[in-house]
Each structure stands twice: as structure tokens, then as C-alpha cells.
PDB file of N, CA and C in Angstrom:
ATOM      1  N   MET A   1      92.378  -8.287 -73.514  1.00  0.00           N
ATOM      2  CA  MET A   1      93.557  -7.432 -73.399  1.00  0.00           C
ATOM      3  C   MET A   1      94.281  -7.413 -74.748  1.00  0.00           C
ATOM      4  N   GLU A   2      94.475  -6.260 -75.295  1.00  0.00           N
ATOM      5  CA  GLU A   2      95.202  -6.106 -76.546  1.00  0.00           C
ATOM      6  C   GLU A   2      96.696  -6.270 -76.284  1.00  0.00           C
ATOM      7  N   GLN A   3      97.451  -6.269 -77.373  1.00  0.00           N
ATOM      8  CA  GLN A   3      98.907  -6.337 -77.236  1.00  0.00           C
ATOM      9  C   GLN A   3      99.329  -5.184 -76.345  1.00  0.00           C
ATOM     10  N   ASN A   4      99.862  -5.505 -75.176  1.00  0.00           N
ATOM     11  CA  ASN A   4     100.145  -4.450 -74.204  1.00  0.00           C
ATOM     12  C   ASN A   4     101.407  -3.673 -74.568  1.00  0.00           C
ATOM     13  N   ASP A   5     101.645  -2.588 -73.856  1.00  0.00           N
ATOM     14  CA  ASP A   5     102.786  -1.725 -74.148  1.00  0.00           C
ATOM     15  C   ASP A   5     104.114  -2.460 -74.048  1.00  0.00           C
ATOM     16  N   ALA A   6     104.251  -3.334 -73.047  1.00  0.00           N
ATOM     17  CA  ALA A   6     105.517  -4.046 -72.857  1.00  0.00           C
ATOM     18  C   ALA A   6     105.818  -4.944 -74.051  1.00  0.00           C
ATOM     19  N   LEU A   7     104.814  -5.653 -74.516  1.00  0.00           N
ATOM     20  CA  LEU A   7     105.025  -6.535 -75.662  1.00  0.00           C
ATOM     21  C   LEU A   7     105.324  -5.721 -76.913  1.00  0.00           C
ATOM     22  N   GLY A   8     104.584  -4.650 -77.119  1.00  0.00           N
ATOM     23  CA  GLY A   8     104.851  -3.781 -78.256  1.00  0.00           C
ATOM     24  C   GLY A   8     106.248  -3.187 -78.192  1.00  0.00           C
ATOM     25  N   GLN A   9     106.652  -2.776 -76.995  1.00  0.00           N
ATOM     26  CA  GLN A   9     107.989  -2.219 -76.816  1.00  0.00           C
ATOM     27  C   GLN A   9     109.048  -3.273 -77.143  1.00  0.00           C
ATOM     28  N   LEU A  10     108.837  -4.489 -76.683  1.00  0.00           N
ATOM     29  CA  LEU A  10     109.792  -5.565 -76.953  1.00  0.00           C
ATOM     30  C   LEU A  10     109.899  -5.837 -78.442  1.00  0.00           C
ATOM     31  N   LEU A  11     108.763  -5.916 -79.114  1.00  0.00           N
ATOM     32  CA  LEU A  11     108.760  -6.249 -80.533  1.00  0.00           C
ATOM     33  C   LEU A  11     109.368  -5.153 -81.400  1.00  0.00           C
ATOM     34  N   HIS A  12     109.424  -3.927 -80.890  1.00  0.00           N
ATOM     35  CA  HIS A  12     109.954  -2.816 -81.677  1.00  0.00           C
ATOM     36  C   HIS A  12     111.285  -2.280 -81.149  1.00  0.00           C
ATOM     37  N   LEU A  13     111.932  -3.054 -80.310  1.00  0.00           N
ATOM     38  CA  LEU A  13     113.226  -2.619 -79.772  1.00  0.00           C
ATOM     39  C   LEU A  13     114.234  -2.464 -80.899  1.00  0.00           C
ATOM     40  N   ASP A  14     115.009  -1.401 -80.827  1.00  0.00           N
ATOM     41  CA  ASP A  14     116.073  -1.211 -81.806  1.00  0.00           C
ATOM     42  C   ASP A  14     117.397  -0.880 -81.134  1.00  0.00           C
ATOM     43  N   ARG A  15     117.425  -1.097 -79.821  1.00  0.00           N
ATOM     44  CA  ARG A  15     118.653  -0.835 -79.067  1.00  0.00           C
ATOM     45  C   ARG A  15     118.663  -1.717 -77.825  1.00  0.00           C
ATOM     46  N   GLN A  16     119.840  -1.855 -77.250  1.00  0.00           N
ATOM     47  CA  GLN A  16     119.964  -2.587 -75.999  1.00  0.00           C
ATOM     48  C   GLN A  16     119.388  -1.731 -74.873  1.00  0.00           C
ATOM     49  N   LEU A  17     118.736  -2.363 -73.925  1.00  0.00           N
ATOM     50  CA  LEU A  17     118.164  -1.652 -72.790  1.00  0.00           C
ATOM     51  C   LEU A  17     119.152  -1.623 -71.626  1.00  0.00           C
ATOM     52  N   ASN A  18     119.048  -0.588 -70.793  1.00  0.00           N
ATOM     53  CA  ASN A  18     119.854  -0.594 -69.577  1.00  0.00           C
ATOM     54  C   ASN A  18     119.176  -1.518 -68.563  1.00  0.00           C
ATOM     55  N   ILE A  19     119.814  -1.761 -67.453  1.00  0.00           N
ATOM     56  CA  ILE A  19     119.326  -2.739 -66.474  1.00  0.00           C
ATOM     57  C   ILE A  19     117.956  -2.354 -65.924  1.00  0.00           C
ATOM     58  N   VAL A  20     117.751  -1.089 -65.622  1.00  0.00           N
ATOM     59  CA  VAL A  20     116.462  -0.645 -65.072  1.00  0.00           C
ATOM     60  C   VAL A  20     115.354  -0.836 -66.105  1.00  0.00           C
ATOM     61  N   GLU A  21     115.620  -0.428 -67.335  1.00  0.00           N
ATOM     62  CA  GLU A  21     114.626  -0.592 -68.403  1.00  0.00           C
ATOM     63  C   GLU A  21     114.308  -2.073 -68.628  1.00  0.00           C
ATOM     64  N   LYS A  22     115.354  -2.885 -68.610  1.00  0.00           N
ATOM     65  CA  LYS A  22     115.174  -4.317 -68.835  1.00  0.00           C
ATOM     66  C   LYS A  22     114.344  -4.954 -67.725  1.00  0.00           C
ATOM     67  N   ASP A  23     114.609  -4.594 -66.480  1.00  0.00           N
ATOM     68  CA  ASP A  23     113.848  -5.140 -65.351  1.00  0.00           C
ATOM     69  C   ASP A  23     112.380  -4.730 -65.424  1.00  0.00           C
ATOM     70  N   GLU A  24     112.120  -3.472 -65.747  1.00  0.00           N
ATOM     71  CA  GLU A  24     110.739  -2.999 -65.852  1.00  0.00           C
ATOM     72  C   GLU A  24     110.013  -3.691 -67.004  1.00  0.00           C
ATOM     73  N   LEU A  25     110.675  -3.800 -68.142  1.00  0.00           N
ATOM     74  CA  LEU A  25     110.065  -4.472 -69.282  1.00  0.00           C
ATOM     75  C   LEU A  25     109.776  -5.934 -68.955  1.00  0.00           C
ATOM     76  N   LYS A  26     110.719  -6.586 -68.303  1.00  0.00           N
ATOM     77  CA  LYS A  26     110.519  -7.995 -67.941  1.00  0.00           C
ATOM     78  C   LYS A  26     109.321  -8.145 -67.004  1.00  0.00           C
ATOM     79  N   HIS A  27     109.213  -7.267 -66.027  1.00  0.00           N
ATOM     80  CA  HIS A  27     108.087  -7.320 -65.094  1.00  0.00           C
ATOM     81  C   HIS A  27     106.760  -7.185 -65.844  1.00  0.00           C
ATOM     82  N   GLN A  28     106.681  -6.211 -66.741  1.00  0.00           N
ATOM     83  CA  GLN A  28     105.458  -6.004 -67.516  1.00  0.00           C
ATOM     84  C   GLN A  28     105.170  -7.190 -68.441  1.00  0.00           C
ATOM     85  N   LEU A  29     106.211  -7.751 -69.042  1.00  0.00           N
ATOM     86  CA  LEU A  29     106.032  -8.923 -69.901  1.00  0.00           C
ATOM     87  C   LEU A  29     105.485 -10.111 -69.119  1.00  0.00           C
ATOM     88  N   ILE A  30     106.021 -10.335 -67.929  1.00  0.00           N
ATOM     89  CA  ILE A  30     105.568 -11.449 -67.101  1.00  0.00           C
ATOM     90  C   ILE A  30     104.075 -11.317 -66.812  1.00  0.00           C
ATOM     91  N   LEU A  31     103.636 -10.116 -66.476  1.00  0.00           N
ATOM     92  CA  LEU A  31     102.206  -9.895 -66.221  1.00  0.00           C
ATOM     93  C   LEU A  31     101.373 -10.219 -67.456  1.00  0.00           C
ATOM     94  N   HIS A  32     101.815  -9.738 -68.600  1.00  0.00           N
ATOM     95  CA  HIS A  32     101.066  -9.960 -69.841  1.00  0.00           C
ATOM     96  C   HIS A  32     101.104 -11.438 -70.251  1.00  0.00           C
ATOM     97  N   ILE A  33     102.240 -12.073 -70.104  1.00  0.00           N
ATOM     98  CA  ILE A  33     102.352 -13.489 -70.465  1.00  0.00           C
ATOM     99  C   ILE A  33     101.455 -14.338 -69.571  1.00  0.00           C
ATOM    100  N   ASN A  34     101.414 -14.035 -68.286  1.00  0.00           N
ATOM    101  CA  ASN A  34     100.515 -14.763 -67.387  1.00  0.00           C
ATOM    102  C   ASN A  34      99.063 -14.591 -67.831  1.00  0.00           C
ATOM    103  N   TYR A  35      98.704 -13.376 -68.230  1.00  0.00           N
ATOM    104  CA  TYR A  35      97.360 -13.144 -68.740  1.00  0.00           C
ATOM    105  C   TYR A  35      97.099 -14.025 -69.963  1.00  0.00           C
ATOM    106  N   LEU A  36      98.051 -14.045 -70.890  1.00  0.00           N
ATOM    107  CA  LEU A  36      97.872 -14.842 -72.102  1.00  0.00           C
ATOM    108  C   LEU A  36      97.827 -16.341 -71.797  1.00  0.00           C
ATOM    109  N   LEU A  37      98.634 -16.791 -70.871  1.00  0.00           N
ATOM    110  CA  LEU A  37      98.608 -18.205 -70.493  1.00  0.00           C
ATOM    111  C   LEU A  37      97.217 -18.614 -70.009  1.00  0.00           C
ATOM    112  N   LEU A  38      96.575 -17.726 -69.281  1.00  0.00           N
ATOM    113  CA  LEU A  38      95.261 -18.031 -68.712  1.00  0.00           C
ATOM    114  C   LEU A  38      94.091 -17.747 -69.659  1.00  0.00           C
ATOM    115  N   ASN A  39      94.252 -16.767 -70.543  1.00  0.00           N
ATOM    116  CA  ASN A  39      93.104 -16.279 -71.306  1.00  0.00           C
ATOM    117  C   ASN A  39      93.216 -16.368 -72.826  1.00  0.00           C
ATOM    118  N   ASP A  40      94.420 -16.447 -73.365  1.00  0.00           N
ATOM    119  CA  ASP A  40      94.572 -16.437 -74.830  1.00  0.00           C
ATOM    120  C   ASP A  40      95.872 -17.154 -75.219  1.00  0.00           C
ATOM    121  N   PHE A  41      95.897 -18.449 -74.941  1.00  0.00           N
ATOM    122  CA  PHE A  41      97.107 -19.227 -75.188  1.00  0.00           C
ATOM    123  C   PHE A  41      97.511 -19.196 -76.662  1.00  0.00           C
ATOM    124  N   ASN A  42      96.524 -19.212 -77.566  1.00  0.00           N
ATOM    125  CA  ASN A  42      96.847 -19.174 -78.995  1.00  0.00           C
ATOM    126  C   ASN A  42      97.599 -17.903 -79.365  1.00  0.00           C
ATOM    127  N   ARG A  43      97.220 -16.792 -78.770  1.00  0.00           N
ATOM    128  CA  ARG A  43      97.919 -15.521 -79.021  1.00  0.00           C
ATOM    129  C   ARG A  43      99.367 -15.603 -78.543  1.00  0.00           C
ATOM    130  N   LEU A  44      99.580 -16.223 -77.384  1.00  0.00           N
ATOM    131  CA  LEU A  44     100.941 -16.391 -76.868  1.00  0.00           C
ATOM    132  C   LEU A  44     101.783 -17.225 -77.828  1.00  0.00           C
ATOM    133  N   VAL A  45     101.206 -18.292 -78.345  1.00  0.00           N
ATOM    134  CA  VAL A  45     101.924 -19.144 -79.298  1.00  0.00           C
ATOM    135  C   VAL A  45     102.279 -18.343 -80.551  1.00  0.00           C
ATOM    136  N   GLN A  46     101.353 -17.508 -81.021  1.00  0.00           N
ATOM    137  CA  GLN A  46     101.626 -16.658 -82.191  1.00  0.00           C
ATOM    138  C   GLN A  46     102.791 -15.711 -81.927  1.00  0.00           C
ATOM    139  N   ILE A  47     102.820 -15.131 -80.742  1.00  0.00           N
ATOM    140  CA  ILE A  47     103.898 -14.208 -80.381  1.00  0.00           C
ATOM    141  C   ILE A  47     105.236 -14.939 -80.346  1.00  0.00           C
ATOM    142  N   LEU A  48     105.259 -16.105 -79.722  1.00  0.00           N
ATOM    143  CA  LEU A  48     106.500 -16.886 -79.653  1.00  0.00           C
ATOM    144  C   LEU A  48     106.985 -17.248 -81.051  1.00  0.00           C
ATOM    145  N   TYR A  49     106.061 -17.586 -81.927  1.00  0.00           N
ATOM    146  CA  TYR A  49     106.416 -17.901 -83.308  1.00  0.00           C
ATOM    147  C   TYR A  49     106.940 -16.658 -84.023  1.00  0.00           C
ATOM    148  N   ARG A  50     106.250 -15.527 -83.845  1.00  0.00           N
ATOM    149  CA  ARG A  50     106.653 -14.282 -84.504  1.00  0.00           C
ATOM    150  C   ARG A  50     108.057 -13.849 -84.095  1.00  0.00           C
ATOM    151  N   VAL A  51     108.349 -13.976 -82.815  1.00  0.00           N
ATOM    152  CA  VAL A  51     109.660 -13.566 -82.303  1.00  0.00           C
ATOM    153  C   VAL A  51     110.719 -14.616 -82.612  1.00  0.00           C
ATOM    154  N   ASP A  52     110.272 -15.812 -82.975  1.00  0.00           N
ATOM    155  CA  ASP A  52     111.156 -16.914 -83.331  1.00  0.00           C
ATOM    156  C   ASP A  52     111.870 -17.489 -82.105  1.00  0.00           C
ATOM    157  N   VAL A  53     111.096 -17.695 -81.033  1.00  0.00           N
ATOM    158  CA  VAL A  53     111.620 -18.352 -79.836  1.00  0.00           C
ATOM    159  C   VAL A  53     111.679 -19.848 -80.126  1.00  0.00           C
ATOM    160  N   SER A  54     112.776 -20.470 -79.788  1.00  0.00           N
ATOM    161  CA  SER A  54     112.963 -21.895 -80.028  1.00  0.00           C
ATOM    162  C   SER A  54     111.993 -22.715 -79.180  1.00  0.00           C
ATOM    163  N   GLU A  55     111.144 -23.472 -79.850  1.00  0.00           N
ATOM    164  CA  GLU A  55     110.177 -24.321 -79.154  1.00  0.00           C
ATOM    165  C   GLU A  55     110.894 -25.382 -78.325  1.00  0.00           C
ATOM    166  N   GLN A  56     111.954 -25.952 -78.878  1.00  0.00           N
ATOM    167  CA  GLN A  56     112.708 -26.978 -78.157  1.00  0.00           C
ATOM    168  C   GLN A  56     113.354 -26.405 -76.903  1.00  0.00           C
ATOM    169  N   LYS A  57     113.921 -25.216 -77.022  1.00  0.00           N
ATOM    170  CA  LYS A  57     114.561 -24.584 -75.869  1.00  0.00           C
ATOM    171  C   LYS A  57     113.531 -24.261 -74.798  1.00  0.00           C
ATOM    172  N   LEU A  58     112.379 -23.758 -75.208  1.00  0.00           N
ATOM    173  CA  LEU A  58     111.317 -23.445 -74.264  1.00  0.00           C
ATOM    174  C   LEU A  58     110.860 -24.705 -73.528  1.00  0.00           C
ATOM    175  N   LYS A  59     110.606 -25.770 -74.268  1.00  0.00           N
ATOM    176  CA  LYS A  59     110.167 -27.025 -73.643  1.00  0.00           C
ATOM    177  C   LYS A  59     111.212 -27.540 -72.661  1.00  0.00           C
ATOM    178  N   ARG A  60     112.483 -27.480 -73.075  1.00  0.00           N
ATOM    179  CA  ARG A  60     113.567 -27.963 -72.219  1.00  0.00           C
ATOM    180  C   ARG A  60     113.648 -27.151 -70.925  1.00  0.00           C
ATOM    181  N   LEU A  61     113.593 -25.831 -71.048  1.00  0.00           N
ATOM    182  CA  LEU A  61     113.684 -24.976 -69.861  1.00  0.00           C
ATOM    183  C   LEU A  61     112.487 -25.173 -68.931  1.00  0.00           C
ATOM    184  N   LEU A  62     111.303 -25.350 -69.501  1.00  0.00           N
ATOM    185  CA  LEU A  62     110.128 -25.600 -68.666  1.00  0.00           C
ATOM    186  C   LEU A  62     110.252 -26.921 -67.918  1.00  0.00           C
ATOM    187  N   GLN A  63     110.784 -27.944 -68.589  1.00  0.00           N
ATOM    188  CA  GLN A  63     110.971 -29.254 -67.943  1.00  0.00           C
ATOM    189  C   GLN A  63     112.061 -29.207 -66.884  1.00  0.00           C
ATOM    190  N   GLU A  64     113.135 -28.471 -67.159  1.00  0.00           N
ATOM    191  CA  GLU A  64     114.261 -28.403 -66.229  1.00  0.00           C
ATOM    192  C   GLU A  64     113.971 -27.511 -65.019  1.00  0.00           C
ATOM    193  N   ASN A  65     112.973 -26.646 -65.127  1.00  0.00           N
ATOM    194  CA  ASN A  65     112.667 -25.680 -64.068  1.00  0.00           C
ATOM    195  C   ASN A  65     111.183 -25.724 -63.705  1.00  0.00           C
ATOM    196  N   PRO A  66     110.700 -26.863 -63.213  1.00  0.00           N
ATOM    197  CA  PRO A  66     109.258 -26.988 -62.944  1.00  0.00           C
ATOM    198  C   PRO A  66     108.752 -26.068 -61.832  1.00  0.00           C
ATOM    199  N   GLN A  67     109.636 -25.597 -60.968  1.00  0.00           N
ATOM    200  CA  GLN A  67     109.216 -24.719 -59.868  1.00  0.00           C
ATOM    201  C   GLN A  67     109.203 -23.235 -60.265  1.00  0.00           C
ATOM    202  N   THR A  68     109.701 -22.927 -61.460  1.00  0.00           N
ATOM    203  CA  THR A  68     109.765 -21.540 -61.919  1.00  0.00           C
ATOM    204  C   THR A  68     108.499 -21.198 -62.696  1.00  0.00           C
ATOM    205  N   ASP A  69     107.958 -20.018 -62.438  1.00  0.00           N
ATOM    206  CA  ASP A  69     106.788 -19.534 -63.163  1.00  0.00           C
ATOM    207  C   ASP A  69     107.096 -19.558 -64.665  1.00  0.00           C
ATOM    208  N   ALA A  70     106.234 -20.206 -65.435  1.00  0.00           N
ATOM    209  CA  ALA A  70     106.445 -20.314 -66.882  1.00  0.00           C
ATOM    210  C   ALA A  70     106.555 -18.936 -67.531  1.00  0.00           C
ATOM    211  N   ALA A  71     105.831 -17.960 -67.017  1.00  0.00           N
ATOM    212  CA  ALA A  71     105.880 -16.614 -67.596  1.00  0.00           C
ATOM    213  C   ALA A  71     107.271 -15.997 -67.473  1.00  0.00           C
ATOM    214  N   ILE A  72     107.973 -16.309 -66.411  1.00  0.00           N
ATOM    215  CA  ILE A  72     109.341 -15.797 -66.234  1.00  0.00           C
ATOM    216  C   ILE A  72     110.255 -16.397 -67.296  1.00  0.00           C
ATOM    217  N   ILE A  73     110.134 -17.694 -67.498  1.00  0.00           N
ATOM    218  CA  ILE A  73     110.962 -18.374 -68.505  1.00  0.00           C
ATOM    219  C   ILE A  73     110.652 -17.827 -69.888  1.00  0.00           C
ATOM    220  N   ILE A  74     109.379 -17.673 -70.201  1.00  0.00           N
ATOM    221  CA  ILE A  74     108.978 -17.175 -71.516  1.00  0.00           C
ATOM    222  C   ILE A  74     109.443 -15.730 -71.713  1.00  0.00           C
ATOM    223  N   ALA A  75     109.296 -14.896 -70.698  1.00  0.00           N
ATOM    224  CA  ALA A  75     109.753 -13.500 -70.803  1.00  0.00           C
ATOM    225  C   ALA A  75     111.255 -13.445 -71.045  1.00  0.00           C
ATOM    226  N   ASP A  76     112.010 -14.265 -70.321  1.00  0.00           N
ATOM    227  CA  ASP A  76     113.464 -14.298 -70.525  1.00  0.00           C
ATOM    228  C   ASP A  76     113.812 -14.699 -71.957  1.00  0.00           C
ATOM    229  N   LEU A  77     113.127 -15.708 -72.484  1.00  0.00           N
ATOM    230  CA  LEU A  77     113.405 -16.165 -73.846  1.00  0.00           C
ATOM    231  C   LEU A  77     113.023 -15.108 -74.880  1.00  0.00           C
ATOM    232  N   LEU A  78     111.886 -14.448 -74.684  1.00  0.00           N
ATOM    233  CA  LEU A  78     111.481 -13.383 -75.606  1.00  0.00           C
ATOM    234  C   LEU A  78     112.515 -12.259 -75.619  1.00  0.00           C
ATOM    235  N   MET A  79     112.938 -11.843 -74.440  1.00  0.00           N
ATOM    236  CA  MET A  79     113.906 -10.755 -74.354  1.00  0.00           C
ATOM    237  C   MET A  79     115.253 -11.171 -74.932  1.00  0.00           C
ATOM    238  N   GLU A  80     115.663 -12.381 -74.629  1.00  0.00           N
ATOM    239  CA  GLU A  80     116.939 -12.897 -75.147  1.00  0.00           C
ATOM    240  C   GLU A  80     116.926 -12.920 -76.671  1.00  0.00           C
ATOM    241  N   ARG A  81     115.829 -13.380 -77.260  1.00  0.00           N
ATOM    242  CA  ARG A  81     115.741 -13.472 -78.721  1.00  0.00           C
ATOM    243  C   ARG A  81     115.732 -12.084 -79.359  1.00  0.00           C
ATOM    244  N   GLN A  82     115.003 -11.152 -78.780  1.00  0.00           N
ATOM    245  CA  GLN A  82     114.978  -9.805 -79.330  1.00  0.00           C
ATOM    246  C   GLN A  82     116.345  -9.131 -79.219  1.00  0.00           C
ATOM    247  N   GLU A  83     117.043  -9.347 -78.113  1.00  0.00           N
ATOM    248  CA  GLU A  83     118.387  -8.783 -77.957  1.00  0.00           C
ATOM    249  C   GLU A  83     119.333  -9.380 -78.995  1.00  0.00           C
ATOM    250  N   GLU A  84     119.177 -10.665 -79.273  1.00  0.00           N
ATOM    251  CA  GLU A  84     119.997 -11.316 -80.292  1.00  0.00           C
ATOM    252  C   GLU A  84     119.738 -10.692 -81.659  1.00  0.00           C
ATOM    253  N   LYS A  85     118.481 -10.435 -81.978  1.00  0.00           N
ATOM    254  CA  LYS A  85     118.144  -9.801 -83.253  1.00  0.00           C
ATOM    255  C   LYS A  85     118.763  -8.408 -83.352  1.00  0.00           C
ATOM    256  N   ILE A  86     118.736  -7.658 -82.250  1.00  0.00           N
ATOM    257  CA  ILE A  86     119.317  -6.314 -82.238  1.00  0.00           C
ATOM    258  C   ILE A  86     120.821  -6.386 -82.498  1.00  0.00           C
ATOM    259  N   ARG A  87     121.498  -7.324 -81.832  1.00  0.00           N
ATOM    260  CA  ARG A  87     122.946  -7.475 -82.038  1.00  0.00           C
ATOM    261  C   ARG A  87     123.257  -7.816 -83.496  1.00  0.00           C
ATOM    262  N   ILE A  88     122.468  -8.685 -84.085  1.00  0.00           N
ATOM    263  CA  ILE A  88     122.688  -9.073 -85.478  1.00  0.00           C
ATOM    264  C   ILE A  88     122.491  -7.871 -86.397  1.00  0.00           C
ATOM    265  N   LYS A  89     121.413  -7.115 -86.177  1.00  0.00           N
ATOM    266  CA  LYS A  89     121.164  -5.925 -87.003  1.00  0.00           C
ATOM    267  C   LYS A  89     122.293  -4.922 -86.874  1.00  0.00           C
ATOM    268  N   GLN A  90     122.785  -4.718 -85.641  1.00  0.00           N
ATOM    269  CA  GLN A  90     123.861  -3.755 -85.429  1.00  0.00           C
ATOM    270  C   GLN A  90     125.141  -4.227 -86.109  1.00  0.00           C
ATOM    271  N   THR A  91     125.378  -5.503 -86.132  1.00  0.00           N
ATOM    272  CA  THR A  91     126.568  -6.045 -86.783  1.00  0.00           C
ATOM    273  C   THR A  91     126.534  -5.781 -88.277  1.00  0.00           C
ATOM    274  N   PHE A  92     125.378  -6.008 -88.885  1.00  0.00           N
ATOM    275  CA  PHE A  92     125.281  -5.857 -90.333  1.00  0.00           C
ATOM    276  C   PHE A  92     124.939  -4.441 -90.760  1.00  0.00           C
ATOM    277  N   ARG A  93     124.526  -3.594 -89.829  1.00  0.00           N
ATOM    278  CA  ARG A  93     124.216  -2.208 -90.138  1.00  0.00           C
ATOM    279  C   ARG A  93     125.503  -1.413 -90.352  1.00  0.00           C
ATOM    280  N   ASN A  94     126.581  -1.856 -89.743  1.00  0.00           N
ATOM    281  CA  ASN A  94     127.845  -1.141 -89.840  1.00  0.00           C
ATOM    282  C   ASN A  94     128.453  -1.386 -91.213  1.00  0.00           C
ATOM    283  N   ASP A  95     128.035  -0.576 -92.179  1.00  0.00           N
ATOM    284  CA  ASP A  95     128.532  -0.748 -93.544  1.00  0.00           C
ATOM    285  C   ASP A  95     129.524   0.347 -93.928  1.00  0.00           C
ATOM    286  N   ASP A  96     130.188   0.940 -92.950  1.00  0.00           N
ATOM    287  CA  ASP A  96     131.155   2.005 -93.209  1.00  0.00           C
ATOM    288  C   ASP A  96     132.375   1.501 -93.957  1.00  0.00           C
ATOM    289  N   ASN A  97     132.661   0.213 -93.837  1.00  0.00           N
ATOM    290  CA  ASN A  97     133.850  -0.335 -94.473  1.00  0.00           C
ATOM    291  C   ASN A  97     133.589  -0.775 -95.915  1.00  0.00           C
ATOM    292  N   ILE A  98     132.380  -0.595 -96.407  1.00  0.00           N
ATOM    293  CA  ILE A  98     132.045  -0.982 -97.764  1.00  0.00           C
ATOM    294  C   ILE A  98     132.302   0.190 -98.679  1.00  0.00           C
ATOM    295  N   PRO A  99     133.054  -0.029 -99.770  1.00  0.00           N
ATOM    296  CA  PRO A  99     133.289   1.064-100.712  1.00  0.00           C
ATOM    297  C   PRO A  99     131.964   1.602-101.257  1.00  0.00           C
ATOM    298  N   ALA A 100     131.919   2.915-101.544  1.00  0.00           N
ATOM    299  CA  ALA A 100     130.689   3.560-101.999  1.00  0.00           C
ATOM    300  C   ALA A 100     130.126   2.885-103.248  1.00  0.00           C
ATOM    301  N   ASP A 101     130.992   2.415-104.142  1.00  0.00           N
ATOM    302  CA  ASP A 101     130.520   1.762-105.368  1.00  0.00           C
ATOM    303  C   ASP A 101     129.823   0.436-105.098  1.00  0.00           C
ATOM    304  N   ASP A 102     130.140  -0.186-103.961  1.00  0.00           N
ATOM    305  CA  ASP A 102     129.554  -1.495-103.645  1.00  0.00           C
ATOM    306  C   ASP A 102     128.301  -1.403-102.800  1.00  0.00           C
ATOM    307  N   LYS A 103     127.995  -0.213-102.286  1.00  0.00           N
ATOM    308  CA  LYS A 103     126.784  -0.053-101.459  1.00  0.00           C
ATOM    309  C   LYS A 103     125.566  -0.020-102.351  1.00  0.00           C
ATOM    310  N   TRP A 104     124.455  -0.455-101.826  1.00  0.00           N
ATOM    311  CA  TRP A 104     123.191  -0.475-102.570  1.00  0.00           C
ATOM    312  C   TRP A 104     122.634   0.868-102.484  1.00  0.00           C
TER     313      TRP A 104
END
């Protein structure tokens, strides 16, 4: 299975999703993550590294929630990290208050 649409969509997000979009994306991510857990764990690790998901946070959440499907926890962390990146970009993208002479 190649990088599926949900993962590609997550990695290229440039805006906040509405609740329906977020739920659908999460569902698709969970399916893909479960596939990777069973068939291509190294690829999953690469994705987590690329998105910059905290390894310590992931380990802690997995230990604290042993009855929860690991794919759900991983999908939540991936989405949370991407949303954080979007917020940061939007914060620094707002350069309207910079004088024209100081803009690059």
C-alpha cells in the first residue's frame, strides 16, 4: 500500500479542518496506520519522524491507554502535530504589520 490519500492529505494540510473533515480524515488515517502497524512498521516510524510526533508522548499515551487501539492514539497525535504546524505558520504568515522596507 502506497502513501494513502488520508496520509497525503494530512501531510499537505494548509488549513484547519471542520469537524466532518477531521472525523473522516481520522477514520482513514486509522485504517492506514493499522495497515502500517501490521505490514510496514518502518514506514510508520518514518512518518512519525517526518511529522515530528514526540516519541516520549507517544510512548506515554500508549502506556496510559493500553485498552485503546494504538492506531487511534497515533492518528490523534499526527493530526494534533499537523494542526500545531498550521497554527504556527498562520501566526508567522501574518506579516501585514511589518513595514515594507523590512519585508524580504
